[in-house]
Amino acid sequence: MGRNQIIDDVLADLATEAPAGYFLALHIRFAAPVMMFRTYDRAWTDHYSQNAYALRDPMVAWGIAHSGATRWRDIDLPDPFGIMREAADFGLTHGVCISCGPVTSRTVAGVARSDREFTDEEIASLSGLVLRLHHESEPPDHLTRAEKDALEVIASGNRYAAGAARLRISESALKARLSTARRKLFARTTAEAIQRARDYRLL
């Protein structure tokens, strides 16, 4: 089973254990995550984005500053914008923040439910899922020269045929190298792979 399928399966398990949805930012580097997923109610995510709450959210601040898990009610950080109170108005009444990984590549998750607090056993299970997602989504620390060349030739504006000709390889070989690079970078498109490779300083 490939890593992308494993990630999809673990995300499905996370969704089952978070009745009111979850937020997951994997490997936050240079102020941006490698991957981000949100299953909270759309009205809340739209409200959250429109108000640029990510930079002001005490849950995110706790996750960046700490490793481990804590219930939202126990986060003792200023919330001058009333984000946690507003979240409750959207049905995110009870929740847990889970954080793992080094500060240079931190994963932060928020999971919610509307009916009751999460139990200690549920928090332990959720923490295990988040830790597994963190490990399965570890970004590469290098690309092969062939993969870099393939990304760079497309990034410079060449189409497949012209790019392959420049590299003196077949078009199918170029596509195979791009496919491998996309898989390593968890990218759905070549353009996304190019951007991620640049973000990770691999190009």
Protein backbone atom coordinates (compact mmCIF):
# COMPACT_ATOMS: atom_id res chain seq x y z
CA MET A 1 0.00 0.00 0.00
CA GLY A 2 1.40 3.41 -0.98
CA ARG A 3 1.89 6.26 1.47
CA ASN A 4 -0.89 8.33 -0.10
CA GLN A 5 -3.36 5.48 0.46
CA ILE A 6 -2.16 5.05 4.04
CA ILE A 7 -2.67 8.76 4.67
CA ASP A 8 -6.17 8.61 3.18
CA ASP A 9 -7.04 5.62 5.40
CA VAL A 10 -5.74 7.29 8.58
CA LEU A 11 -7.61 10.50 7.71
CA ALA A 12 -10.79 8.44 7.42
CA ASP A 13 -10.14 7.04 10.91
CA LEU A 14 -9.53 10.57 12.21
CA ALA A 15 -12.84 11.74 10.73
CA THR A 16 -14.65 8.89 12.48
CA GLU A 17 -13.19 9.90 15.86
CA ALA A 18 -13.87 13.65 15.39
CA PRO A 19 -17.68 13.96 15.07
CA ALA A 20 -17.61 17.76 14.62
CA GLY A 21 -14.62 17.69 12.30
CA TYR A 22 -10.91 18.32 12.46
CA PHE A 23 -8.14 20.65 11.32
CA LEU A 24 -4.75 19.16 10.47
CA ALA A 25 -1.58 20.99 9.41
CA LEU A 26 1.22 18.54 8.64
CA HIS A 27 4.87 19.55 8.86
CA ILE A 28 4.60 23.31 9.25
CA ARG A 29 7.78 24.70 7.68
CA PHE A 30 8.58 28.30 6.83
CA ALA A 31 5.12 29.25 8.24
CA ALA A 32 3.24 26.92 5.84
CA PRO A 33 2.27 23.24 6.18
CA VAL A 34 3.26 20.55 3.70
CA MET A 35 -0.37 19.43 3.69
CA MET A 36 -3.50 20.76 5.35
CA PHE A 37 -6.92 19.18 5.82
CA ARG A 38 -10.12 20.61 7.32
CA THR A 39 -13.43 18.88 7.85
CA TYR A 40 -15.04 21.42 10.16
CA ASP A 41 -18.39 22.84 9.06
CA ARG A 42 -17.89 24.97 5.93
CA ALA A 43 -19.51 28.03 7.55
CA TRP A 44 -16.85 27.97 10.28
CA THR A 45 -13.91 27.40 7.95
CA ASP A 46 -15.09 30.27 5.73
CA HIS A 47 -15.53 32.56 8.75
CA TYR A 48 -12.13 31.48 10.11
CA SER A 49 -10.36 32.16 6.80
CA GLN A 50 -12.11 35.48 6.15
CA ASN A 51 -10.98 36.75 9.55
CA ALA A 52 -7.39 35.42 9.21
CA TYR A 53 -7.76 33.57 12.50
CA ALA A 54 -4.90 31.14 11.85
CA LEU A 55 -2.36 33.74 12.99
CA ARG A 56 -4.42 34.56 16.11
CA ASP A 57 -5.81 31.17 17.13
CA PRO A 58 -4.74 30.16 20.67
CA MET A 59 -5.08 26.50 19.69
CA VAL A 60 -2.56 26.91 16.87
CA ALA A 61 -0.28 28.95 19.14
CA TRP A 62 -0.39 26.20 21.76
CA GLY A 63 0.39 23.56 19.13
CA ILE A 64 3.40 25.46 17.81
CA ALA A 65 4.77 26.02 21.31
CA HIS A 66 4.10 22.56 22.79
CA SER A 67 4.21 18.87 21.95
CA GLY A 68 1.51 16.54 23.21
CA ALA A 69 -2.23 16.88 23.61
CA THR A 70 -4.53 19.15 25.60
CA ARG A 71 -8.22 19.79 25.75
CA TRP A 72 -9.22 23.17 24.36
CA ARG A 73 -10.67 24.17 27.74
CA ASP A 74 -7.19 23.78 29.28
CA ILE A 75 -5.38 26.08 26.81
CA ASP A 76 -4.32 28.99 28.99
CA LEU A 77 -3.44 31.54 26.31
CA PRO A 78 -4.97 34.95 25.54
CA ASP A 79 -7.84 34.88 23.06
CA PRO A 80 -8.53 38.59 22.45
CA PHE A 81 -10.53 37.85 19.29
CA GLY A 82 -12.78 35.35 21.08
CA ILE A 83 -11.97 32.61 18.54
CA MET A 84 -12.70 29.73 20.90
CA ARG A 85 -16.04 31.27 21.90
CA GLU A 86 -16.96 31.77 18.25
CA ALA A 87 -15.97 28.20 17.43
CA ALA A 88 -18.46 27.00 20.03
CA ASP A 89 -21.17 29.07 18.33
CA PHE A 90 -20.48 27.01 15.19
CA GLY A 91 -20.83 23.70 17.06
CA LEU A 92 -17.14 23.20 17.91
CA THR A 93 -17.92 23.09 21.61
CA HIS A 94 -15.38 20.55 22.88
CA GLY A 95 -12.03 19.80 21.38
CA VAL A 96 -8.45 18.69 21.68
CA CYS A 97 -5.23 20.14 20.28
CA ILE A 98 -2.57 17.60 19.35
CA SER A 99 0.96 18.58 18.35
CA CYS A 100 4.04 16.56 17.45
CA GLY A 101 7.35 16.81 15.64
CA PRO A 102 10.26 19.23 15.93
CA VAL A 103 9.49 22.95 15.92
CA THR A 104 11.08 23.18 12.45
CA SER A 105 8.55 20.67 11.07
CA ARG A 106 5.62 20.73 13.48
CA THR A 107 2.30 18.97 12.95
CA VAL A 108 -0.71 20.55 14.67
CA ALA A 109 -4.23 19.14 14.79
CA GLY A 110 -7.50 20.27 16.30
CA VAL A 111 -10.34 17.77 16.67
CA ALA A 112 -13.84 18.64 17.81
CA ARG A 113 -17.16 17.35 18.98
CA SER A 114 -20.31 19.16 20.08
CA ASP A 115 -21.80 16.78 22.65
CA ARG A 116 -19.13 16.19 25.32
CA GLU A 117 -15.44 16.30 26.15
CA PHE A 118 -13.12 13.71 24.64
CA THR A 119 -12.11 10.97 27.09
CA ASP A 120 -8.47 10.25 27.92
CA GLU A 121 -8.69 7.04 25.88
CA GLU A 122 -10.07 8.92 22.87
CA ILE A 123 -7.30 11.51 23.16
CA ALA A 124 -4.69 8.75 23.22
CA SER A 125 -6.21 7.17 20.10
CA LEU A 126 -6.41 10.52 18.30
CA SER A 127 -2.81 11.32 19.25
CA GLY A 128 -1.72 8.02 17.74
CA LEU A 129 -3.49 8.82 14.47
CA VAL A 130 -1.93 12.29 14.26
CA LEU A 131 1.54 10.91 15.03
CA ARG A 132 1.12 8.30 12.29
CA LEU A 133 0.04 10.96 9.81
CA HIS A 134 3.08 13.04 10.80
CA HIS A 135 5.43 10.12 10.08
CA GLU A 136 3.71 9.01 6.87
CA SER A 137 3.80 12.54 5.42
CA GLU A 138 7.45 13.26 6.17
CA PRO A 139 8.70 15.43 3.27
CA PRO A 140 11.74 14.19 1.34
CA ASP A 141 15.11 15.66 2.20
CA HIS A 142 16.36 15.17 -1.35
CA LEU A 143 15.35 14.45 -4.92
CA THR A 144 17.48 12.56 -7.41
CA ARG A 145 19.30 14.59 -10.04
CA ALA A 146 16.99 13.10 -12.67
CA GLU A 147 13.88 14.17 -10.72
CA LYS A 148 15.25 17.68 -10.23
CA ASP A 149 16.10 17.97 -13.92
CA ALA A 150 12.60 16.85 -14.88
CA LEU A 151 10.94 19.40 -12.58
CA GLU A 152 13.29 22.19 -13.64
CA VAL A 153 12.76 21.63 -17.37
CA ILE A 154 8.98 21.86 -16.92
CA ALA A 155 9.32 24.81 -14.52
CA SER A 156 11.22 26.69 -17.22
CA GLY A 157 8.14 26.55 -19.45
CA ASN A 158 8.81 23.51 -21.64
CA ARG A 159 6.06 21.10 -22.63
CA TYR A 160 6.74 17.38 -22.28
CA ALA A 161 8.10 16.82 -25.77
CA ALA A 162 10.39 19.85 -25.69
CA GLY A 163 11.49 19.09 -22.12
CA ALA A 164 12.33 15.51 -23.00
CA ALA A 165 14.30 16.68 -26.03
CA ARG A 166 16.29 19.12 -23.87
CA LEU A 167 17.14 16.32 -21.44
CA ARG A 168 17.81 13.88 -24.29
CA ILE A 169 15.38 11.33 -22.90
CA SER A 170 12.06 9.97 -24.13
CA GLU A 171 8.84 11.73 -23.28
CA SER A 172 7.70 8.66 -21.32
CA ALA A 173 10.92 8.74 -19.28
CA LEU A 174 10.33 12.40 -18.46
CA LYS A 175 6.75 11.66 -17.37
CA ALA A 176 7.98 8.77 -15.20
CA ARG A 177 10.49 11.05 -13.44
CA LEU A 178 7.83 13.69 -12.87
CA SER A 179 5.45 11.05 -11.51
CA THR A 180 8.08 9.87 -9.01
CA ALA A 181 8.79 13.45 -7.93
CA ARG A 182 5.07 14.15 -7.45
CA ARG A 183 4.69 11.04 -5.32
CA LYS A 184 7.67 11.96 -3.12
CA LEU A 185 6.34 15.49 -2.68
CA PHE A 186 2.71 14.45 -2.08
CA ALA A 187 1.72 16.65 -5.02
CA ARG A 188 -1.27 16.04 -7.25
CA THR A 189 0.09 18.09 -10.15
CA THR A 190 3.52 18.84 -11.54
CA ALA A 191 3.02 22.55 -10.83
CA GLU A 192 2.33 21.73 -7.18
CA ALA A 193 5.41 19.47 -7.09
CA ILE A 194 7.58 22.28 -8.47
CA GLN A 195 6.29 24.71 -5.86
CA ARG A 196 6.78 22.24 -3.01
CA ALA A 197 10.29 21.37 -4.16
CA ARG A 198 11.09 25.08 -4.11
CA ASP A 199 9.45 25.52 -0.71
CA TYR A 200 11.55 22.66 0.68
CA ARG A 201 14.64 24.13 -1.00
CA LEU A 202 15.16 21.00 -3.06
CA LEU A 203 15.38 23.00 -6.32
